[in-house]
C-alpha atoms as a PDB file:
ATOM      1  CA  MET A   1       0.000   0.000   0.000  1.00  0.00           C
ATOM      2  CA  ILE A   2       1.251   3.478  -0.845  1.00  0.00           C
ATOM      3  CA  ASP A   3       2.058   5.538   2.273  1.00  0.00           C
ATOM      4  CA  ARG A   4       2.368   9.229   1.444  1.00  0.00           C
ATOM      5  CA  THR A   5       3.738  10.020   4.923  1.00  0.00           C
ATOM      6  CA  HIS A   6       6.628   7.537   4.596  1.00  0.00           C
ATOM      7  CA  ALA A   7      10.184   8.808   4.164  1.00  0.00           C
ATOM      8  CA  LEU A   8      10.526   6.742   0.982  1.00  0.00           C
ATOM      9  CA  PRO A   9       9.347   8.782  -2.039  1.00  0.00           C
ATOM     10  CA  VAL A  10       6.048   7.783  -3.637  1.00  0.00           C
ATOM     11  CA  VAL A  11       7.877   7.136  -6.923  1.00  0.00           C
ATOM     12  CA  ARG A  12      10.141   4.586  -5.239  1.00  0.00           C
ATOM     13  CA  GLN A  13       7.204   2.980  -3.407  1.00  0.00           C
ATOM     14  CA  CYS A  14       5.461   2.516  -6.758  1.00  0.00           C
ATOM     15  CA  GLN A  15       8.587   0.921  -8.227  1.00  0.00           C
ATOM     16  CA  LEU A  16       8.875  -1.533  -5.334  1.00  0.00           C
ATOM     17  CA  LEU A  17       5.179  -2.448  -5.556  1.00  0.00           C
ATOM     18  CA  GLY A  18       5.244  -2.723  -9.333  1.00  0.00           C
ATOM     19  CA  VAL A  19       2.421  -0.217  -9.907  1.00  0.00           C
ATOM     20  CA  ALA A  20       2.255   2.810 -12.171  1.00  0.00           C
ATOM     21  CA  ARG A  21       2.640   6.251 -10.620  1.00  0.00           C
ATOM     22  CA  SER A  22      -0.651   7.274 -12.220  1.00  0.00           C
ATOM     23  CA  THR A  23      -2.370   4.660 -10.050  1.00  0.00           C
ATOM     24  CA  ALA A  24      -0.990   6.244  -6.871  1.00  0.00           C
ATOM     25  CA  TYR A  25      -2.126   9.731  -7.868  1.00  0.00           C
ATOM     26  CA  TYR A  26      -5.488   8.726  -9.306  1.00  0.00           C
ATOM     27  CA  GLN A  27      -8.515  10.342  -7.671  1.00  0.00           C
ATOM     28  CA  PRO A  28     -11.821   8.553  -8.387  1.00  0.00           C
ATOM     29  CA  THR A  29     -14.430  10.678 -10.113  1.00  0.00           C
ATOM     30  CA  PRO A  30     -17.793  10.721  -8.304  1.00  0.00           C
ATOM     31  CA  VAL A  31     -20.760   9.387 -10.253  1.00  0.00           C
ATOM     32  CA  SER A  32     -22.970  12.196 -11.540  1.00  0.00           C
ATOM     33  CA  ASP A  33     -26.606  12.559 -10.514  1.00  0.00           C
ATOM     34  CA  PRO A  34     -27.979  11.709 -13.999  1.00  0.00           C
ATOM     35  CA  VAL A  35     -25.896   8.511 -14.108  1.00  0.00           C
ATOM     36  CA  LEU A  36     -27.017   7.529 -10.601  1.00  0.00           C
ATOM     37  CA  ALA A  37     -30.651   8.040 -11.635  1.00  0.00           C
ATOM     38  CA  LEU A  38     -30.020   5.920 -14.736  1.00  0.00           C
ATOM     39  CA  MET A  39     -28.439   3.151 -12.639  1.00  0.00           C
ATOM     40  CA  ARG A  40     -31.434   3.113 -10.337  1.00  0.00           C
ATOM     41  CA  ARG A  41     -33.799   2.827 -13.303  1.00  0.00           C
ATOM     42  CA  ILE A  42     -31.729  -0.030 -14.757  1.00  0.00           C
ATOM     43  CA  ASP A  43     -31.968  -1.781 -11.385  1.00  0.00           C
ATOM     44  CA  GLU A  44     -35.756  -1.361 -11.371  1.00  0.00           C
ATOM     45  CA  LEU A  45     -36.030  -2.728 -14.901  1.00  0.00           C
ATOM     46  CA  HIS A  46     -33.729  -5.622 -14.004  1.00  0.00           C
ATOM     47  CA  LEU A  47     -36.078  -6.613 -11.175  1.00  0.00           C
ATOM     48  CA  GLN A  48     -39.038  -6.546 -13.562  1.00  0.00           C
ATOM     49  CA  TYR A  49     -37.286  -8.234 -16.478  1.00  0.00           C
ATOM     50  CA  PRO A  50     -34.334 -10.280 -15.138  1.00  0.00           C
ATOM     51  CA  PHE A  51     -33.855 -11.836 -18.581  1.00  0.00           C
ATOM     52  CA  ALA A  52     -33.208  -8.456 -20.236  1.00  0.00           C
ATOM     53  CA  GLY A  53     -29.664  -7.888 -21.458  1.00  0.00           C
ATOM     54  CA  ALA A  54     -27.951  -4.624 -22.381  1.00  0.00           C
ATOM     55  CA  ARG A  55     -29.703  -4.382 -25.764  1.00  0.00           C
ATOM     56  CA  MET A  56     -33.197  -4.886 -24.378  1.00  0.00           C
ATOM     57  CA  LEU A  57     -32.559  -2.520 -21.478  1.00  0.00           C
ATOM     58  CA  ARG A  58     -31.224   0.059 -23.937  1.00  0.00           C
ATOM     59  CA  ASP A  59     -34.436  -0.165 -25.946  1.00  0.00           C
ATOM     60  CA  LEU A  60     -36.619   0.039 -22.832  1.00  0.00           C
ATOM     61  CA  LEU A  61     -34.714   3.113 -21.666  1.00  0.00           C
ATOM     62  CA  ARG A  62     -34.985   4.729 -25.099  1.00  0.00           C
ATOM     63  CA  HIS A  63     -38.758   4.247 -25.008  1.00  0.00           C
ATOM     64  CA  GLU A  64     -38.707   6.256 -21.774  1.00  0.00           C
ATOM     65  CA  GLY A  65     -36.819   9.098 -23.448  1.00  0.00           C
ATOM     66  CA  HIS A  66     -33.238   8.262 -22.483  1.00  0.00           C
ATOM     67  CA  THR A  67     -30.510   8.702 -25.084  1.00  0.00           C
ATOM     68  CA  ILE A  68     -28.190   5.808 -24.380  1.00  0.00           C
ATOM     69  CA  GLY A  69     -26.242   3.093 -26.168  1.00  0.00           C
ATOM     70  CA  ARG A  70     -25.828  -0.603 -25.498  1.00  0.00           C
ATOM     71  CA  ARG A  71     -22.208  -0.277 -24.375  1.00  0.00           C
ATOM     72  CA  HIS A  72     -23.066   2.361 -21.792  1.00  0.00           C
ATOM     73  CA  VAL A  73     -25.838   0.137 -20.414  1.00  0.00           C
ATOM     74  CA  ALA A  74     -23.442  -2.820 -20.276  1.00  0.00           C
ATOM     75  CA  THR A  75     -20.839  -0.725 -18.449  1.00  0.00           C
ATOM     76  CA  LEU A  76     -23.370   0.375 -15.823  1.00  0.00           C
ATOM     77  CA  MET A  77     -24.619  -3.200 -15.403  1.00  0.00           C
ATOM     78  CA  ARG A  78     -21.065  -4.392 -14.708  1.00  0.00           C
ATOM     79  CA  ARG A  79     -20.596  -1.567 -12.230  1.00  0.00           C
ATOM     80  CA  MET A  80     -23.798  -2.585 -10.440  1.00  0.00           C
ATOM     81  CA  GLY A  81     -22.905  -6.252 -10.444  1.00  0.00           C
ATOM     82  CA  ILE A  82     -25.971  -7.411 -12.395  1.00  0.00           C
ATOM     83  CA  GLU A  83     -26.361  -9.412 -15.597  1.00  0.00           C
ATOM     84  CA  ALA A  84     -29.157 -10.858 -17.681  1.00  0.00           C
ATOM     85  CA  LEU A  85     -30.332 -14.185 -16.298  1.00  0.00           C
ATOM     86  CA  TYR A  86     -30.611 -16.843 -18.964  1.00  0.00           C
ATOM     87  CA  ARG A  87     -29.037 -20.104 -20.055  1.00  0.00           C
ATOM     88  CA  LYS A  88     -25.590 -19.490 -21.494  1.00  0.00           C
ATOM     89  CA  PRO A  89     -23.402 -21.712 -23.695  1.00  0.00           C
ATOM     90  CA  SER A  90     -20.286 -23.552 -22.442  1.00  0.00           C
ATOM     91  CA  LEU A  91     -21.683 -23.970 -18.955  1.00  0.00           C
ATOM     92  CA  SER A  92     -19.058 -26.593 -18.155  1.00  0.00           C
ATOM     93  CA  ARG A  93     -16.230 -24.071 -18.599  1.00  0.00           C
ATOM     94  CA  ARG A  94     -14.698 -23.169 -15.252  1.00  0.00           C
ATOM     95  CA  GLN A  95     -12.703 -20.142 -14.145  1.00  0.00           C
ATOM     96  CA  PRO A  96      -9.121 -21.262 -13.470  1.00  0.00           C
ATOM     97  CA  GLY A  97      -8.537 -21.797  -9.769  1.00  0.00           C
ATOM     98  CA  HIS A  98     -12.188 -21.443  -8.787  1.00  0.00           C
ATOM     99  CA  ARG A  99     -14.157 -24.616  -8.286  1.00  0.00           C
ATOM    100  CA  ILE A 100     -17.849 -24.586  -9.214  1.00  0.00           C
ATOM    101  CA  TYR A 101     -20.017 -26.820  -7.019  1.00  0.00           C
ATOM    102  CA  SER A 102     -23.137 -28.733  -8.079  1.00  0.00           C
ATOM    103  CA  TYR A 103     -26.659 -27.585  -7.301  1.00  0.00           C
ATOM    104  CA  LEU A 104     -27.863 -29.760  -4.402  1.00  0.00           C
ATOM    105  CA  LEU A 105     -31.414 -28.477  -3.873  1.00  0.00           C
ATOM    106  CA  ARG A 106     -33.200 -29.979  -6.877  1.00  0.00           C
ATOM    107  CA  ASP A 107     -36.055 -32.212  -5.641  1.00  0.00           C
ATOM    108  CA  LEU A 108     -34.810 -31.777  -2.050  1.00  0.00           C
ATOM    109  CA  GLU A 109     -37.532 -31.402   0.604  1.00  0.00           C
ATOM    110  CA  ILE A 110     -36.588 -28.436   2.802  1.00  0.00           C
ATOM    111  CA  SER A 111     -38.940 -28.087   5.749  1.00  0.00           C
ATOM    112  CA  ARG A 112     -36.796 -27.323   8.800  1.00  0.00           C
ATOM    113  CA  PRO A 113     -34.659 -24.387   9.945  1.00  0.00           C
ATOM    114  CA  ASN A 114     -30.909 -24.527   9.349  1.00  0.00           C
ATOM    115  CA  HIS A 115     -31.263 -27.256   6.736  1.00  0.00           C
ATOM    116  CA  VAL A 116     -30.421 -24.893   3.859  1.00  0.00           C
ATOM    117  CA  TRP A 117     -29.166 -21.325   3.903  1.00  0.00           C
ATOM    118  CA  ALA A 118     -29.081 -19.192   0.761  1.00  0.00           C
ATOM    119  CA  ALA A 119     -27.153 -15.991   0.099  1.00  0.00           C
ATOM    120  CA  ASP A 120     -26.655 -13.360  -2.586  1.00  0.00           C
ATOM    121  CA  ILE A 121     -25.550  -9.770  -3.240  1.00  0.00           C
ATOM    122  CA  THR A 122     -27.663  -6.934  -4.641  1.00  0.00           C
ATOM    123  CA  TYR A 123     -27.219  -3.261  -5.574  1.00  0.00           C
ATOM    124  CA  ILE A 124     -28.621  -0.577  -3.245  1.00  0.00           C
ATOM    125  CA  PRO A 125     -28.990   2.967  -4.700  1.00  0.00           C
ATOM    126  CA  MET A 126     -28.534   6.094  -2.562  1.00  0.00           C
ATOM    127  CA  ARG A 127     -29.088   9.778  -3.284  1.00  0.00           C
ATOM    128  CA  ARG A 128     -25.381  10.097  -4.096  1.00  0.00           C
ATOM    129  CA  GLY A 129     -23.609   6.834  -4.797  1.00  0.00           C
ATOM    130  CA  PHE A 130     -24.586   3.251  -4.139  1.00  0.00           C
ATOM    131  CA  LEU A 131     -23.848   0.261  -1.912  1.00  0.00           C
ATOM    132  CA  TYR A 132     -23.963  -3.519  -2.128  1.00  0.00           C
ATOM    133  CA  LEU A 133     -26.101  -5.606   0.221  1.00  0.00           C
ATOM    134  CA  PHE A 134     -25.222  -9.196   1.121  1.00  0.00           C
ATOM    135  CA  ALA A 135     -27.791 -11.270   3.011  1.00  0.00           C
ATOM    136  CA  ILE A 136     -28.111 -14.837   4.284  1.00  0.00           C
ATOM    137  CA  LEU A 137     -31.602 -16.361   4.262  1.00  0.00           C
ATOM    138  CA  ASP A 138     -32.861 -19.512   5.975  1.00  0.00           C
ATOM    139  CA  TRP A 139     -34.627 -21.359   3.142  1.00  0.00           C
ATOM    140  CA  ALA A 140     -37.413 -23.042   5.153  1.00  0.00           C
ATOM    141  CA  SER A 141     -38.505 -20.028   7.211  1.00  0.00           C
ATOM    142  CA  ARG A 142     -37.380 -17.181   4.856  1.00  0.00           C
ATOM    143  CA  ARG A 143     -35.729 -15.559   7.881  1.00  0.00           C
ATOM    144  CA  VAL A 144     -32.789 -13.206   7.231  1.00  0.00           C
ATOM    145  CA  LEU A 145     -30.032 -14.480   9.521  1.00  0.00           C
ATOM    146  CA  ALA A 146     -27.257 -11.972   8.805  1.00  0.00           C
ATOM    147  CA  TRP A 147     -26.453  -9.177   6.377  1.00  0.00           C
ATOM    148  CA  ARG A 148     -23.793  -6.601   5.521  1.00  0.00           C
ATOM    149  CA  LEU A 149     -23.521  -3.419   3.445  1.00  0.00           C
ATOM    150  CA  SER A 150     -20.373  -2.500   1.516  1.00  0.00           C
ATOM    151  CA  ASN A 151     -19.311   0.108  -1.022  1.00  0.00           C
ATOM    152  CA  THR A 152     -17.191  -2.429  -2.919  1.00  0.00           C
ATOM    153  CA  LEU A 153     -17.867  -5.866  -4.407  1.00  0.00           C
ATOM    154  CA  THR A 154     -15.321  -7.717  -2.298  1.00  0.00           C
ATOM    155  CA  THR A 155     -15.452 -11.001  -0.409  1.00  0.00           C
ATOM    156  CA  ASP A 156     -14.617  -9.751   3.084  1.00  0.00           C
ATOM    157  CA  PHE A 157     -18.040  -8.320   3.946  1.00  0.00           C
ATOM    158  CA  CYS A 158     -19.663 -11.585   2.839  1.00  0.00           C
ATOM    159  CA  LEU A 159     -17.319 -13.568   5.088  1.00  0.00           C
ATOM    160  CA  ASP A 160     -18.169 -11.320   8.055  1.00  0.00           C
ATOM    161  CA  ALA A 161     -21.880 -12.036   7.624  1.00  0.00           C
ATOM    162  CA  VAL A 162     -21.331 -15.799   7.297  1.00  0.00           C
ATOM    163  CA  ARG A 163     -19.226 -15.862  10.459  1.00  0.00           C
ATOM    164  CA  GLU A 164     -21.904 -13.902  12.323  1.00  0.00           C
ATOM    165  CA  ALA A 165     -24.682 -16.264  11.177  1.00  0.00           C
ATOM    166  CA  ILE A 166     -22.700 -19.360  12.158  1.00  0.00           C
ATOM    167  CA  THR A 167     -21.831 -17.876  15.557  1.00  0.00           C
ATOM    168  CA  GLN A 168     -25.455 -16.989  16.339  1.00  0.00           C
ATOM    169  CA  TYR A 169     -27.357 -19.889  14.758  1.00  0.00           C
ATOM    170  CA  GLY A 170     -24.904 -22.745  14.255  1.00  0.00           C
ATOM    171  CA  CYS A 171     -24.107 -24.360  10.910  1.00  0.00           C
ATOM    172  CA  PRO A 172     -26.584 -25.303   8.188  1.00  0.00           C
ATOM    173  CA  GLU A 173     -26.296 -28.585   6.346  1.00  0.00           C
ATOM    174  CA  ILE A 174     -26.190 -26.873   2.929  1.00  0.00           C
ATOM    175  CA  PHE A 175     -25.210 -23.338   1.869  1.00  0.00           C
ATOM    176  CA  ASN A 176     -26.477 -22.219  -1.560  1.00  0.00           C
ATOM    177  CA  THR A 177     -25.223 -19.275  -3.656  1.00  0.00           C
ATOM    178  CA  ASP A 178     -24.819 -18.348  -7.295  1.00  0.00           C
ATOM    179  CA  GLN A 179     -21.519 -18.652  -9.152  1.00  0.00           C
ATOM    180  CA  GLY A 180     -20.322 -15.111  -8.401  1.00  0.00           C
ATOM    181  CA  CYS A 181     -16.578 -14.711  -7.893  1.00  0.00           C
ATOM    182  CA  GLN A 182     -17.121 -13.771  -4.234  1.00  0.00           C
ATOM    183  CA  PHE A 183     -18.750 -17.153  -3.595  1.00  0.00           C
ATOM    184  CA  THR A 184     -16.374 -19.305  -5.655  1.00  0.00           C
ATOM    185  CA  SER A 185     -13.308 -17.757  -4.012  1.00  0.00           C
ATOM    186  CA  HIS A 186     -11.070 -19.974  -1.909  1.00  0.00           C
ATOM    187  CA  GLU A 187     -11.731 -17.786   1.150  1.00  0.00           C
ATOM    188  CA  PHE A 188     -15.508 -18.201   0.962  1.00  0.00           C
ATOM    189  CA  THR A 189     -15.669 -21.895   0.089  1.00  0.00           C
ATOM    190  CA  GLY A 190     -12.863 -22.609   2.544  1.00  0.00           C
ATOM    191  CA  LEU A 191     -14.846 -21.063   5.393  1.00  0.00           C
ATOM    192  CA  LEU A 192     -17.842 -23.275   4.612  1.00  0.00           C
ATOM    193  CA  THR A 193     -15.873 -26.492   4.218  1.00  0.00           C
ATOM    194  CA  HIS A 194     -13.973 -25.727   7.443  1.00  0.00           C
ATOM    195  CA  HIS A 195     -17.327 -25.910   9.271  1.00  0.00           C
ATOM    196  CA  GLY A 196     -18.405 -29.073   7.454  1.00  0.00           C
ATOM    197  CA  ILE A 197     -21.097 -27.309   5.403  1.00  0.00           C
ATOM    198  CA  GLN A 198     -22.067 -28.728   2.006  1.00  0.00           C
ATOM    199  CA  ILE A 199     -21.742 -26.153  -0.779  1.00  0.00           C
ATOM    200  CA  SER A 200     -24.432 -25.777  -3.435  1.00  0.00           C
ATOM    201  CA  MET A 201     -24.339 -23.359  -6.381  1.00  0.00           C
ATOM    202  CA  ASP A 202     -27.013 -22.284  -8.845  1.00  0.00           C
ATOM    203  CA  GLY A 203     -26.724 -23.244 -12.469  1.00  0.00           C
ATOM    204  CA  LYS A 204     -25.252 -20.379 -14.511  1.00  0.00           C
ATOM    205  CA  GLY A 205     -28.061 -17.923 -15.217  1.00  0.00           C
ATOM    206  CA  CYS A 206     -30.670 -20.019 -13.366  1.00  0.00           C
ATOM    207  CA  TRP A 207     -32.157 -17.352 -11.101  1.00  0.00           C
ATOM    208  CA  ARG A 208     -34.968 -19.704 -10.055  1.00  0.00           C
ATOM    209  CA  ASP A 209     -32.417 -21.877  -8.245  1.00  0.00           C
ATOM    210  CA  ASN A 210     -32.138 -19.124  -5.616  1.00  0.00           C
ATOM    211  CA  VAL A 211     -35.612 -17.672  -6.077  1.00  0.00           C
ATOM    212  CA  PHE A 212     -36.314 -16.918  -2.404  1.00  0.00           C
ATOM    213  CA  VAL A 213     -33.364 -14.523  -2.182  1.00  0.00           C
ATOM    214  CA  GLU A 214     -34.485 -12.873  -5.441  1.00  0.00           C
ATOM    215  CA  ARG A 215     -37.921 -12.356  -3.874  1.00  0.00           C
ATOM    216  CA  LEU A 216     -36.280 -10.831  -0.799  1.00  0.00           C
ATOM    217  CA  TRP A 217     -34.465  -8.318  -3.008  1.00  0.00           C
ATOM    218  CA  LYS A 218     -37.722  -7.329  -4.690  1.00  0.00           C
ATOM    219  CA  SER A 219     -39.454  -6.873  -1.333  1.00  0.00           C
ATOM    220  CA  ILE A 220     -36.709  -4.797   0.269  1.00  0.00           C
ATOM    221  CA  LYS A 221     -36.276  -2.561  -2.763  1.00  0.00           C
ATOM    222  CA  TYR A 222     -39.947  -1.815  -3.429  1.00  0.00           C
ATOM    223  CA  GLU A 223     -40.969  -1.616   0.237  1.00  0.00           C
ATOM    224  CA  GLU A 224     -37.916   0.259   1.580  1.00  0.00           C
ATOM    225  CA  VAL A 225     -35.028   1.259  -0.665  1.00  0.00           C
ATOM    226  CA  TYR A 226     -36.953   2.875  -3.531  1.00  0.00           C
ATOM    227  CA  LEU A 227     -39.105   4.814  -1.050  1.00  0.00           C
ATOM    228  CA  HIS A 228     -36.088   6.532   0.506  1.00  0.00           C
ATOM    229  CA  ALA A 229     -33.144   8.388  -0.956  1.00  0.00           C
ATOM    230  CA  TYR A 230     -30.415   7.611   1.559  1.00  0.00           C
ATOM    231  CA  ASP A 231     -27.996  10.517   2.007  1.00  0.00           C
ATOM    232  CA  THR A 232     -25.305   8.604   3.871  1.00  0.00           C
ATOM    233  CA  VAL A 233     -24.076   5.072   4.437  1.00  0.00           C
ATOM    234  CA  SER A 234     -25.305   5.238   8.035  1.00  0.00           C
ATOM    235  CA  ALA A 235     -28.789   6.252   6.841  1.00  0.00           C
ATOM    236  CA  ALA A 236     -28.798   3.316   4.418  1.00  0.00           C
ATOM    237  CA  HIS A 237     -27.672   0.987   7.203  1.00  0.00           C
ATOM    238  CA  GLN A 238     -30.434   2.229   9.511  1.00  0.00           C
ATOM    239  CA  GLY A 239     -33.067   1.906   6.782  1.00  0.00           C
ATOM    240  CA  VAL A 240     -32.063  -1.630   5.801  1.00  0.00           C
ATOM    241  CA  ALA A 241     -31.810  -2.675   9.470  1.00  0.00           C
ATOM    242  CA  ARG A 242     -35.256  -1.246  10.172  1.00  0.00           C
ATOM    243  CA  TYR A 243     -36.809  -3.039   7.219  1.00  0.00           C
ATOM    244  CA  LEU A 244     -35.189  -6.415   7.886  1.00  0.00           C
ATOM    245  CA  THR A 245     -36.346  -6.276  11.508  1.00  0.00           C
ATOM    246  CA  PHE A 246     -39.857  -5.614  10.208  1.00  0.00           C
ATOM    247  CA  TYR A 247     -39.447  -8.374   7.598  1.00  0.00           C
ATOM    248  CA  ASN A 248     -38.389 -10.962  10.184  1.00  0.00           C
ATOM    249  CA  GLN A 249     -40.631 -10.023  13.102  1.00  0.00           C
ATOM    250  CA  THR A 250     -43.789  -8.345  11.749  1.00  0.00           C
ATOM    251  CA  ARG A 251     -44.364  -8.769   8.021  1.00  0.00           C
ATOM    252  CA  PRO A 252     -46.753 -11.693   7.280  1.00  0.00           C
ATOM    253  CA  HIS A 253     -45.388 -14.012   4.604  1.00  0.00           C
ATOM    254  CA  GLN A 254     -47.846 -15.471   2.125  1.00  0.00           C
ATOM    255  CA  ALA A 255     -45.759 -18.620   1.580  1.00  0.00           C
ATOM    256  CA  LEU A 256     -45.793 -19.194   5.366  1.00  0.00           C
ATOM    257  CA  ASP A 257     -49.606 -19.030   5.666  1.00  0.00           C
ATOM    258  CA  GLY A 258     -49.454 -15.477   6.968  1.00  0.00           C
ATOM    259  CA  GLN A 259     -46.900 -16.207   9.673  1.00  0.00           C
ATOM    260  CA  THR A 260     -43.680 -14.246  10.154  1.00  0.00           C
ATOM    261  CA  PRO A 261     -40.239 -15.705   9.380  1.00  0.00           C
ATOM    262  CA  ASP A 262     -39.232 -15.321  13.048  1.00  0.00           C
ATOM    263  CA  ARG A 263     -42.176 -17.375  14.258  1.00  0.00           C
ATOM    264  CA  VAL A 264     -41.665 -20.165  11.730  1.00  0.00           C
ATOM    265  CA  TYR A 265     -37.921 -20.283  12.367  1.00  0.00           C
ATOM    266  CA  TYR A 266     -37.986 -20.384  16.159  1.00  0.00           C
ATOM    267  CA  GLU A 267     -41.091 -22.568  16.561  1.00  0.00           C
ATOM    268  CA  ASN A 268     -39.733 -25.249  14.248  1.00  0.00           C
ATOM    269  CA  LEU A 269     -36.307 -24.961  15.826  1.00  0.00           C
ATOM    270  CA  THR A 270     -37.826 -25.494  19.295  1.00  0.00           C
ATOM    271  CA  THR A 271     -39.888 -28.438  18.035  1.00  0.00           C
ATOM    272  CA  ARG A 272     -36.818 -30.146  16.592  1.00  0.00           C
ATOM    273  CA  ARG A 273     -34.791 -29.623  19.779  1.00  0.00           C
ATOM    274  CA  THR A 274     -37.649 -30.994  21.925  1.00  0.00           C
ATOM    275  CA  ALA A 275     -38.012 -34.049  19.679  1.00  0.00           C
ATOM    276  CA  ALA A 276     -34.261 -34.674  19.861  1.00  0.00           C
END
């Protein structure tokens, strides 16, 4: 890391680290308000039409009066960490060094807490800038067990949430994610295997394999995030925390016969412990 207060000149530090001087002096340019508004609209359209790629999103945006090209849409999608969800060719091709695990949930009956946990990352817009939200969901009860916000798409904030969930609730039998680089990394898979957890990954582009997390994203964005323009990271953290508390403890869930995730999680957990 470059230390500007060190006695060694910055030029020499760059030489020793093997980085260009321009990298050390680079100052990131803040995203403009029109681009932030465009990114939010792309996120909304992505929730409505998860199969839409850059070309379709470009056309949808043009119908709304935006002057934009496919490449610009694709660039913003990469920045937001989203992509069109559809079957892609060469699905057996693997990224060197990153193992892809099989999907273990097909035809599996999941009816008890801590049998299967699922996790994913989504984009959270603010008034100025944006964040990424990582959440871990108990599959049977739909309860959010742990979550983290970050301003970068790294692995560390995901690992923090996994460690918190394991510390508070124990280990699940199976942990399911998509094939994102954060989840295929040696750090992430190593943490799960260290605790004896089976790893399951969605098929490439198969959003239905992790559909309950996708539904959580839609709920939190339409019922909380899109209703508020967060000014700061702390405001975003407070808003997400407030909503997820409501989601777990108060919000009736149609798939749970009107019960809350908290009630289904803890009642079934108590029943299993009593039976044991």
